Amino acid sequence: MQQLELSEIQGFLVKEYKDKSRSEYFLLQVTNAPGAKKFIASIAGTITNLASETNDIYLNIGLTNAGLVVLGLKETNRASFSREFREGMVTPHRQRLLGDFDSSAPENWNWGGPANEEIHLLLMVFGKDEAASNEYCNQLRQKFPLAGLKEVHQLSGYILPDGKEHFGFREGISQPAIIGSGVKGINNDNVNPGEFLMGYKNEYNVYPDTPLLKEKQGETGLLTDDAGGSGFKDLGRNGTYFVLRQLKEDVDGFWNFLNEHTKNDEGANPEESTKLAAKMMGRWPSGAPLVKFPDKDPGGLSDDNDFNYIKEDKLGYKCPFGAHARRANPRDNFEETGPKESLKLTRRHRIIRRTRLYGENFTASATHHTPNAEVGIFFGCFNADISRQFEFIQYTWANYPKFKQLYADPDPFIGVRESPGPGVDQNFTIPRPTANECITGLKSFVF
């Protein structure tokens, strides 16, 4: 087993910070590089790592490609960072991969788009409650002007005690565990650290591409040699790539759509609407997996993640092939490769998700689904290879309408619906022993 340097790895990568209900993400712009460098150096000792003790406040930090430019990283060194990181999400190619069109197009973003102010630095503050978070953030904010930092945006988020998100389902149950981190997952969830951290071997048993110091600058004494054998110092060791997106959730539209499709002569049928929602998610609102509980939500709160698909539900009668959970983490679902190879394939495309809610404290259901204002999530994920992990999952597993024997079925939650041709609809298919049930006219509920 590879030995991780725990004190050099930021805590949010492994720890979900469930004990910190509040979060504040500061999106900052550097206006004075020397001042910003001094500020970063001054807080370096307070950044939460995997060896840190429990505190009321956790702090983590990230830099954008534009931030590296402003802070003076030489072009030769910056060019060693991945293309996906350097280009960002606003290029036409990335826009097509992620399906960022219409209301989701970069020009309509609240931040991070071509029409918005440039972001150089991300500070993530996590507090045990709102009071603790506000006190720390107020102190931190006072330092920004003198540190040559301009606050572009502040993203206020939270998590609920029951772990649910606005659509009404428990979030983040199926997560990979980094081998050697001290967190152990179930069966196929234990993944080599190089899938998420530079400087360690991944599921291909090789070291992932890492940023390198190809042209000497600054003090290099703390940098280790590249484990991959390039002969350069490793700038990326113990680091990772963090993807951050703000996603609006149309929970009212989602439940209205389901209620319309399941209504009977007496009107709305909440029980059937909830069943259909569970079919689309692959889990019940409690978190219980359909593979184990196909007919009824057992109630309570469930973290059950000990299951696969081929042995328990080969034909998709319990959990449809197109369900969000079955697409985002297919496990052994790729029957043509065999269960063992399918599990190996899936491990090579995992991400560690870190989601925080924003907007009204609201959890929807079939009978309660109209928030007073916009609600959504700050979706974040860690990966060592953005193309092979985050982008692959979104484009190949979520957006692709022909996933696993389907024809016109993108992911019902995060899949992007392209403009269908004549007579072609966007569907959600529920396999049945006699004839499949097809829910047509599926709309986008996440923007």
Protein backbone atom coordinates (compact mmCIF):
# COMPACT_ATOMS: atom_id res chain seq x y z
CA MET A 1 0.00 0.00 0.00
CA GLN A 2 1.28 3.47 -0.90
CA GLN A 3 2.06 5.65 2.11
CA LEU A 4 0.25 8.99 1.92
CA GLU A 5 1.81 12.19 3.25
CA LEU A 6 -1.25 13.12 5.30
CA SER A 7 -0.02 16.49 6.53
CA GLU A 8 0.50 17.63 2.92
CA ILE A 9 -2.98 16.72 1.66
CA GLN A 10 -5.89 19.15 2.09
CA GLY A 11 -8.64 17.72 4.26
CA PHE A 12 -11.68 18.33 2.03
CA LEU A 13 -10.40 15.72 -0.42
CA VAL A 14 -10.95 12.87 2.04
CA LYS A 15 -13.15 14.29 4.77
CA GLU A 16 -16.63 15.42 3.79
CA TYR A 17 -16.72 17.86 6.71
CA LYS A 18 -20.15 16.60 7.72
CA ASP A 19 -19.54 18.14 11.15
CA LYS A 20 -19.40 21.55 9.49
CA SER A 21 -22.92 22.47 8.40
CA ARG A 22 -21.98 25.86 6.95
CA SER A 23 -19.62 26.70 4.12
CA GLU A 24 -18.44 29.91 2.50
CA TYR A 25 -16.54 29.84 -0.77
CA PHE A 26 -14.69 33.09 -1.47
CA LEU A 27 -13.91 33.65 -5.16
CA LEU A 28 -11.06 36.13 -5.14
CA GLN A 29 -9.12 38.19 -7.66
CA VAL A 30 -5.48 39.13 -7.13
CA THR A 31 -4.90 42.88 -7.50
CA ASN A 32 -1.40 42.88 -6.02
CA ALA A 33 0.69 39.75 -6.51
CA PRO A 34 3.31 40.34 -3.78
CA GLY A 35 0.57 41.08 -1.24
CA ALA A 36 -1.41 38.01 -2.25
CA LYS A 37 1.67 35.81 -1.94
CA LYS A 38 2.30 37.10 1.58
CA PHE A 39 -1.33 36.45 2.49
CA ILE A 40 -1.19 32.87 1.20
CA ALA A 41 2.02 32.30 3.15
CA SER A 42 0.42 33.73 6.29
CA ILE A 43 -2.52 31.31 6.22
CA ALA A 44 -0.57 28.26 5.05
CA GLY A 45 -0.22 26.95 8.60
CA THR A 46 -3.98 27.14 9.20
CA ILE A 47 -5.03 25.20 6.09
CA THR A 48 -6.77 22.00 7.15
CA ASN A 49 -4.97 18.81 6.18
CA LEU A 50 -5.56 15.13 6.84
CA ALA A 51 -3.41 15.25 9.96
CA SER A 52 -5.11 18.34 11.42
CA GLU A 53 -6.95 18.19 14.70
CA THR A 54 -10.68 18.87 14.86
CA ASN A 55 -11.50 22.59 15.05
CA ASP A 56 -14.58 24.79 14.83
CA ILE A 57 -13.35 26.09 11.46
CA TYR A 58 -11.74 24.30 8.52
CA LEU A 59 -9.96 26.18 5.74
CA ASN A 60 -8.92 24.95 2.29
CA ILE A 61 -7.52 26.76 -0.73
CA GLY A 62 -7.30 26.45 -4.50
CA LEU A 63 -5.75 28.36 -7.39
CA THR A 64 -7.09 28.82 -10.90
CA ASN A 65 -5.03 28.83 -14.07
CA ALA A 66 -5.47 32.60 -14.30
CA GLY A 67 -4.32 32.82 -10.70
CA LEU A 68 -1.07 31.04 -11.49
CA VAL A 69 -0.46 33.53 -14.29
CA VAL A 70 -1.07 36.57 -12.08
CA LEU A 71 1.06 35.16 -9.27
CA GLY A 72 3.96 34.80 -11.68
CA LEU A 73 4.36 31.12 -12.43
CA LYS A 74 6.60 30.89 -15.48
CA GLU A 75 4.88 29.83 -18.67
CA THR A 76 7.04 26.72 -19.07
CA ASN A 77 5.95 25.52 -15.64
CA ARG A 78 2.31 26.50 -16.06
CA ALA A 79 2.14 24.62 -19.35
CA SER A 80 2.80 21.39 -17.45
CA PHE A 81 -0.64 21.61 -15.81
CA SER A 82 -3.37 19.65 -17.59
CA ARG A 83 -4.98 21.13 -20.69
CA GLU A 84 -8.44 20.90 -19.11
CA PHE A 85 -7.29 22.98 -16.13
CA ARG A 86 -5.57 25.57 -18.30
CA GLU A 87 -8.46 25.97 -20.74
CA GLY A 88 -11.24 26.00 -18.16
CA MET A 89 -14.89 25.23 -18.91
CA VAL A 90 -15.73 28.06 -21.30
CA THR A 91 -14.15 26.80 -24.54
CA PRO A 92 -16.50 25.49 -27.28
CA HIS A 93 -15.08 21.98 -26.84
CA ARG A 94 -15.69 21.93 -23.08
CA GLN A 95 -19.11 23.49 -23.60
CA ARG A 96 -20.06 20.62 -25.90
CA LEU A 97 -18.67 17.96 -23.55
CA LEU A 98 -20.53 19.32 -20.55
CA GLY A 99 -23.68 20.35 -22.40
CA ASP A 100 -23.50 23.99 -21.31
CA PHE A 101 -25.98 25.47 -23.77
CA ASP A 102 -29.03 27.76 -23.63
CA SER A 103 -29.62 28.92 -20.03
CA SER A 104 -26.55 26.92 -18.94
CA ALA A 105 -24.24 28.61 -21.47
CA PRO A 106 -21.13 30.26 -19.96
CA GLU A 107 -22.33 33.74 -20.93
CA ASN A 108 -25.26 33.23 -18.54
CA TRP A 109 -23.19 32.14 -15.55
CA ASN A 110 -23.20 34.13 -12.31
CA TRP A 111 -19.44 33.72 -12.05
CA GLY A 112 -16.61 32.07 -13.97
CA GLY A 113 -17.96 32.88 -17.42
CA PRO A 114 -16.47 35.07 -20.17
CA ALA A 115 -18.62 38.03 -19.13
CA ASN A 116 -17.66 37.77 -15.45
CA GLU A 117 -14.67 39.05 -13.53
CA GLU A 118 -11.63 36.80 -13.57
CA ILE A 119 -11.17 34.52 -10.56
CA HIS A 120 -7.69 33.70 -9.30
CA LEU A 121 -8.09 32.19 -5.86
CA LEU A 122 -10.65 30.04 -4.05
CA LEU A 123 -10.85 30.06 -0.26
CA MET A 124 -13.21 27.51 1.27
CA VAL A 125 -14.32 28.07 4.85
CA PHE A 126 -16.30 25.45 6.76
CA GLY A 127 -17.91 26.23 10.13
CA LYS A 128 -19.72 24.12 12.71
CA ASP A 129 -22.61 26.59 12.56
CA GLU A 130 -23.57 29.93 11.03
CA ALA A 131 -22.27 31.98 13.97
CA ALA A 132 -18.81 30.40 13.93
CA SER A 133 -18.60 30.69 10.16
CA ASN A 134 -19.66 34.35 10.10
CA GLU A 135 -17.20 35.34 12.82
CA TYR A 136 -14.25 33.76 11.04
CA CYS A 137 -15.28 35.02 7.60
CA ASN A 138 -15.64 38.60 8.84
CA GLN A 139 -12.10 38.48 10.22
CA LEU A 140 -10.81 36.95 7.01
CA ARG A 141 -12.58 39.45 4.79
CA GLN A 142 -10.95 42.38 6.58
CA LYS A 143 -7.56 41.12 5.41
CA PHE A 144 -8.39 41.02 1.71
CA PRO A 145 -7.80 44.70 0.77
CA LEU A 146 -4.39 44.88 2.44
CA ALA A 147 -3.46 41.51 0.92
CA GLY A 148 -4.10 42.66 -2.63
CA LEU A 149 -7.25 40.56 -2.95
CA LYS A 150 -10.63 41.58 -4.31
CA GLU A 151 -13.73 39.59 -3.39
CA VAL A 152 -15.48 38.75 -6.66
CA HIS A 153 -18.14 36.48 -5.25
CA GLN A 154 -19.11 34.70 -2.05
CA LEU A 155 -20.94 31.37 -2.29
CA SER A 156 -22.82 30.56 0.90
CA GLY A 157 -23.68 26.89 1.27
CA TYR A 158 -24.84 24.34 3.79
CA ILE A 159 -25.63 20.68 4.36
CA LEU A 160 -28.68 19.28 6.12
CA PRO A 161 -28.50 16.87 9.08
CA ASP A 162 -30.26 14.13 7.11
CA GLY A 163 -27.90 14.51 4.14
CA LYS A 164 -30.70 15.29 1.68
CA GLU A 165 -30.61 17.75 -1.20
CA HIS A 166 -33.41 19.90 -2.62
CA PHE A 167 -35.00 17.21 -4.83
CA GLY A 168 -35.61 15.24 -1.64
CA PHE A 169 -32.97 12.50 -1.90
CA ARG A 170 -29.97 11.73 0.27
CA GLU A 171 -26.75 12.90 -1.37
CA GLY A 172 -23.22 11.53 -1.54
CA ILE A 173 -23.78 7.94 -0.40
CA SER A 174 -21.65 6.27 -3.06
CA GLN A 175 -18.17 7.74 -2.74
CA PRO A 176 -14.77 6.23 -3.50
CA ALA A 177 -12.31 5.84 -0.63
CA ILE A 178 -8.63 6.59 -1.17
CA ILE A 179 -6.53 3.60 -0.20
CA GLY A 180 -4.16 4.63 2.59
CA SER A 181 -6.17 7.68 3.67
CA GLY A 182 -7.63 6.04 6.77
CA VAL A 183 -11.11 5.95 5.24
CA LYS A 184 -12.22 2.51 4.08
CA GLY A 185 -14.95 1.95 1.54
CA ILE A 186 -16.99 -1.07 0.55
CA ASN A 187 -15.74 -3.48 -2.09
CA ASN A 188 -15.15 -1.56 -5.34
CA ASP A 189 -15.14 1.82 -3.59
CA ASN A 190 -11.50 1.44 -2.46
CA VAL A 191 -9.45 3.19 -5.14
CA ASN A 192 -5.73 3.83 -5.60
CA PRO A 193 -4.69 7.34 -4.50
CA GLY A 194 -3.35 8.30 -7.93
CA GLU A 195 -6.92 8.59 -9.21
CA PHE A 196 -7.25 11.70 -7.02
CA LEU A 197 -3.74 12.74 -5.96
CA MET A 198 -0.67 13.57 -7.99
CA GLY A 199 2.49 11.73 -6.98
CA TYR A 200 0.89 8.33 -6.37
CA LYS A 201 0.02 5.39 -8.62
CA ASN A 202 -3.49 5.21 -10.04
CA GLU A 203 -5.74 2.33 -11.13
CA TYR A 204 -3.53 1.79 -14.19
CA ASN A 205 -0.61 1.28 -11.79
CA VAL A 206 1.16 4.33 -13.21
CA TYR A 207 1.71 7.84 -11.90
CA PRO A 208 -0.76 10.40 -13.26
CA ASP A 209 0.52 13.40 -15.17
CA THR A 210 1.58 16.04 -12.68
CA PRO A 211 2.63 19.70 -12.94
CA LEU A 212 6.42 19.94 -13.08
CA LEU A 213 9.03 22.60 -12.36
CA LYS A 214 10.65 22.56 -15.79
CA GLU A 215 12.17 26.03 -15.42
CA LYS A 216 13.66 26.90 -12.06
CA GLN A 217 12.01 29.66 -10.07
CA GLY A 218 11.64 30.41 -6.39
CA GLU A 219 12.70 28.22 -3.50
CA THR A 220 12.59 24.58 -4.57
CA GLY A 221 13.85 22.90 -1.42
CA LEU A 222 10.40 21.66 -0.39
CA LEU A 223 9.69 20.02 -3.74
CA THR A 224 10.38 16.33 -4.29
CA ASP A 225 11.56 14.70 -7.48
CA ASP A 226 8.85 13.61 -9.89
CA ALA A 227 7.96 10.02 -8.99
CA GLY A 228 7.27 9.38 -12.67
CA GLY A 229 10.97 9.74 -13.45
CA SER A 230 10.95 12.89 -15.60
CA GLY A 231 13.95 14.30 -13.75
CA PHE A 232 12.08 17.49 -12.81
CA LYS A 233 10.78 18.63 -9.45
CA ASP A 234 7.13 17.81 -8.82
CA LEU A 235 4.88 20.86 -8.39
CA GLY A 236 1.72 18.78 -8.07
CA ARG A 237 2.60 16.12 -5.50
CA ASN A 238 -0.20 15.71 -2.93
CA GLY A 239 -2.33 18.07 -4.98
CA THR A 240 -5.44 17.45 -7.03
CA TYR A 241 -7.78 19.15 -9.51
CA PHE A 242 -11.03 20.52 -8.10
CA VAL A 243 -14.01 21.16 -10.38
CA LEU A 244 -16.59 23.63 -9.04
CA ARG A 245 -19.96 24.36 -10.64
CA GLN A 246 -23.10 26.15 -9.46
CA LEU A 247 -26.17 24.17 -10.53
CA LYS A 248 -29.72 25.48 -10.22
CA GLU A 249 -32.33 22.81 -9.43
CA ASP A 250 -35.88 23.08 -10.73
CA VAL A 251 -37.43 20.94 -7.99
CA ASP A 252 -40.93 22.29 -8.61
CA GLY A 253 -40.73 21.43 -12.31
CA PHE A 254 -39.37 17.97 -11.51
CA TRP A 255 -42.16 16.98 -9.14
CA ASN A 256 -44.85 18.60 -11.30
CA PHE A 257 -43.59 16.53 -14.22
CA LEU A 258 -43.78 13.33 -12.18
CA ASN A 259 -47.18 14.16 -10.72
CA GLU A 260 -48.54 14.78 -14.21
CA HIS A 261 -47.24 11.44 -15.47
CA THR A 262 -48.57 9.42 -12.53
CA LYS A 263 -51.93 11.07 -11.89
CA ASN A 264 -55.07 8.94 -11.99
CA ASP A 265 -58.79 9.70 -12.22
CA GLU A 266 -58.71 11.05 -8.69
CA GLY A 267 -55.84 13.43 -9.40
CA ALA A 268 -52.27 13.41 -8.11
CA ASN A 269 -50.84 10.12 -6.90
CA PRO A 270 -47.92 10.99 -4.56
CA GLU A 271 -47.00 7.36 -3.90
CA GLU A 272 -46.56 6.60 -7.60
CA SER A 273 -44.73 9.90 -8.16
CA THR A 274 -42.25 8.98 -5.44
CA LYS A 275 -41.76 5.54 -6.99
CA LEU A 276 -41.05 7.09 -10.39
CA ALA A 277 -38.63 9.57 -8.82
CA ALA A 278 -36.83 6.68 -7.13
CA LYS A 279 -36.62 4.84 -10.46
CA MET A 280 -34.96 7.91 -11.97
CA MET A 281 -32.54 8.30 -9.07
CA GLY A 282 -31.80 4.62 -8.45
CA ARG A 283 -32.41 5.10 -4.74
CA TRP A 284 -35.34 5.98 -2.53
CA PRO A 285 -35.46 9.37 -0.79
CA SER A 286 -34.08 7.64 2.33
CA GLY A 287 -31.02 6.59 0.35
CA ALA A 288 -31.99 2.91 0.23
CA PRO A 289 -30.93 1.33 -3.11
CA LEU A 290 -33.61 0.02 -5.46
CA VAL A 291 -31.50 -3.08 -6.09
CA LYS A 292 -32.22 -4.17 -2.52
CA PHE A 293 -35.59 -2.48 -2.00
CA PRO A 294 -37.33 -2.41 -5.40
CA ASP A 295 -40.92 -2.00 -4.22
CA LYS A 296 -40.97 0.29 -1.21
CA ASP A 297 -38.79 2.72 0.68
CA PRO A 298 -37.85 0.99 3.96
CA GLY A 299 -37.84 4.37 5.68
CA GLY A 300 -35.30 5.82 8.04
CA LEU A 301 -31.98 6.94 6.58
CA SER A 302 -29.84 4.52 4.62
CA ASP A 303 -26.15 4.59 3.68
CA ASP A 304 -26.36 1.12 2.11
CA ASN A 305 -23.80 0.92 -0.67
CA ASP A 306 -22.93 -2.79 -0.59
CA PHE A 307 -24.36 -4.07 -3.86
CA ASN A 308 -23.67 -4.59 -7.55
CA TYR A 309 -25.98 -4.81 -10.55
CA ILE A 310 -25.38 -7.87 -12.74
CA LYS A 311 -26.02 -10.52 -10.10
CA GLU A 312 -28.82 -8.66 -8.32
CA ASP A 313 -30.51 -6.87 -11.22
CA LYS A 314 -29.10 -7.93 -14.58
CA LEU A 315 -32.18 -6.87 -16.58
CA GLY A 316 -32.78 -3.56 -14.81
CA TYR A 317 -36.21 -4.48 -13.46
CA LYS A 318 -35.33 -3.14 -10.01
CA CYS A 319 -33.04 -0.24 -10.89
CA PRO A 320 -33.41 0.95 -14.52
CA PHE A 321 -30.29 1.12 -16.69
CA GLY A 322 -30.87 4.85 -17.14
CA ALA A 323 -31.18 5.70 -13.43
CA HIS A 324 -28.79 8.38 -12.23
CA ALA A 325 -27.08 6.17 -9.65
CA ARG A 326 -26.55 3.35 -12.15
CA ARG A 327 -25.01 5.70 -14.70
CA ALA A 328 -22.80 7.79 -12.42
CA ASN A 329 -21.31 4.68 -10.78
CA PRO A 330 -22.02 1.69 -13.05
CA ARG A 331 -20.15 -0.81 -10.83
CA ASP A 332 -20.31 -4.17 -12.68
CA ASN A 333 -23.01 -2.94 -15.06
CA PHE A 334 -21.00 -3.46 -18.28
CA GLU A 335 -21.91 -7.08 -18.83
CA GLU A 336 -20.07 -7.36 -22.14
CA THR A 337 -16.69 -6.97 -20.37
CA GLY A 338 -17.52 -9.32 -17.51
CA PRO A 339 -18.15 -8.21 -13.90
CA LYS A 340 -14.47 -8.12 -12.88
CA GLU A 341 -13.37 -5.99 -15.83
CA SER A 342 -16.45 -3.80 -15.47
CA LEU A 343 -15.56 -3.05 -11.85
CA LYS A 344 -12.00 -2.23 -12.91
CA LEU A 345 -13.29 0.09 -15.65
CA THR A 346 -15.58 1.88 -13.21
CA ARG A 347 -12.75 2.45 -10.71
CA ARG A 348 -10.85 4.28 -13.46
CA HIS A 349 -13.62 6.84 -13.84
CA ARG A 350 -14.49 7.73 -10.25
CA ILE A 351 -14.65 11.21 -8.77
CA ILE A 352 -14.91 12.32 -5.15
CA ARG A 353 -17.99 14.54 -4.97
CA ARG A 354 -18.30 17.43 -2.55
CA THR A 355 -21.73 19.05 -2.68
CA ARG A 356 -23.16 21.96 -0.68
CA LEU A 357 -26.70 23.29 -0.99
CA TYR A 358 -27.56 26.92 -1.59
CA GLY A 359 -30.75 28.92 -1.32
CA GLU A 360 -33.70 28.18 0.90
CA ASN A 361 -33.47 25.36 3.44
CA PHE A 362 -35.84 23.21 1.43
CA THR A 363 -36.34 19.50 0.81
CA ALA A 364 -38.98 18.61 -1.76
CA SER A 365 -41.40 15.72 -2.02
CA ALA A 366 -44.36 14.77 -4.21
CA THR A 367 -46.68 16.90 -2.08
CA HIS A 368 -44.29 19.70 -1.09
CA HIS A 369 -42.16 21.00 -3.93
CA THR A 370 -42.42 24.78 -4.39
CA PRO A 371 -39.57 26.73 -2.77
CA ASN A 372 -39.91 30.46 -2.23
CA ALA A 373 -36.74 31.28 -4.15
CA GLU A 374 -34.01 29.70 -6.28
CA VAL A 375 -32.40 26.58 -4.86
CA GLY A 376 -29.50 24.49 -6.08
CA ILE A 377 -26.12 23.05 -5.28
CA PHE A 378 -22.48 23.99 -5.42
CA PHE A 379 -21.18 20.85 -7.06
CA GLY A 380 -17.52 20.11 -6.50
CA CYS A 381 -15.41 17.10 -7.34
CA PHE A 382 -11.81 15.99 -6.96
CA ASN A 383 -9.90 14.06 -9.63
CA ALA A 384 -6.35 13.73 -10.90
CA ASP A 385 -7.44 13.59 -14.55
CA ILE A 386 -10.34 15.92 -15.37
CA SER A 387 -10.79 14.48 -18.85
CA ARG A 388 -10.83 10.80 -17.85
CA GLN A 389 -12.91 11.34 -14.73
CA PHE A 390 -15.26 14.32 -14.45
CA GLU A 391 -15.67 15.02 -18.17
CA PHE A 392 -15.94 11.34 -19.07
CA ILE A 393 -18.71 10.74 -16.54
CA GLN A 394 -20.68 13.77 -17.70
CA TYR A 395 -20.30 13.24 -21.45
CA THR A 396 -20.13 9.46 -21.85
CA TRP A 397 -22.27 8.19 -18.99
CA ALA A 398 -24.67 11.05 -18.18
CA ASN A 399 -25.28 12.86 -21.47
CA TYR A 400 -25.06 9.94 -23.90
CA PRO A 401 -28.66 8.96 -24.75
CA LYS A 402 -27.77 5.40 -25.86
CA PHE A 403 -26.18 4.32 -22.58
CA LYS A 404 -26.54 0.57 -21.88
CA GLN A 405 -29.06 -0.55 -24.53
CA LEU A 406 -31.06 2.69 -24.35
CA TYR A 407 -31.93 4.89 -27.32
CA ALA A 408 -32.99 8.39 -26.33
CA ASP A 409 -32.35 8.40 -22.59
CA PRO A 410 -29.88 10.89 -21.09
CA ASP A 411 -29.42 10.89 -17.32
CA PRO A 412 -32.79 12.07 -15.92
CA PHE A 413 -31.12 14.47 -13.47
CA ILE A 414 -27.77 15.71 -14.80
CA GLY A 415 -27.94 14.58 -18.42
CA VAL A 416 -28.17 17.27 -21.08
CA ARG A 417 -31.01 16.98 -23.55
CA GLU A 418 -29.89 17.81 -27.06
CA SER A 419 -32.36 19.11 -29.61
CA PRO A 420 -34.14 15.93 -30.77
CA GLY A 421 -34.75 15.22 -34.43
CA PRO A 422 -38.19 14.75 -36.01
CA GLY A 423 -40.20 12.18 -34.10
CA VAL A 424 -37.43 11.67 -31.52
CA ASP A 425 -38.15 12.42 -27.87
CA GLN A 426 -35.99 12.47 -24.75
CA ASN A 427 -37.11 9.58 -22.59
CA PHE A 428 -36.67 7.63 -19.41
CA THR A 429 -37.14 3.90 -19.91
CA ILE A 430 -38.20 1.49 -17.16
CA PRO A 431 -37.52 -2.15 -18.13
CA ARG A 432 -40.47 -4.48 -17.55
CA PRO A 433 -40.74 -8.29 -18.05
CA THR A 434 -43.40 -7.86 -20.74
CA ALA A 435 -43.07 -4.41 -22.32
CA ASN A 436 -40.83 -1.55 -21.22
CA GLU A 437 -42.46 1.56 -19.80
CA CYS A 438 -41.27 4.73 -21.49
CA ILE A 439 -41.65 8.14 -19.87
CA THR A 440 -41.50 10.63 -22.74
CA GLY A 441 -40.94 14.35 -22.97
CA LEU A 442 -38.27 14.45 -20.28
CA LYS A 443 -37.15 17.98 -19.44
CA SER A 444 -34.02 19.46 -17.91
CA PHE A 445 -34.29 19.99 -14.18
CA VAL A 446 -30.68 21.00 -13.44
CA PHE A 447 -29.13 24.07 -15.08
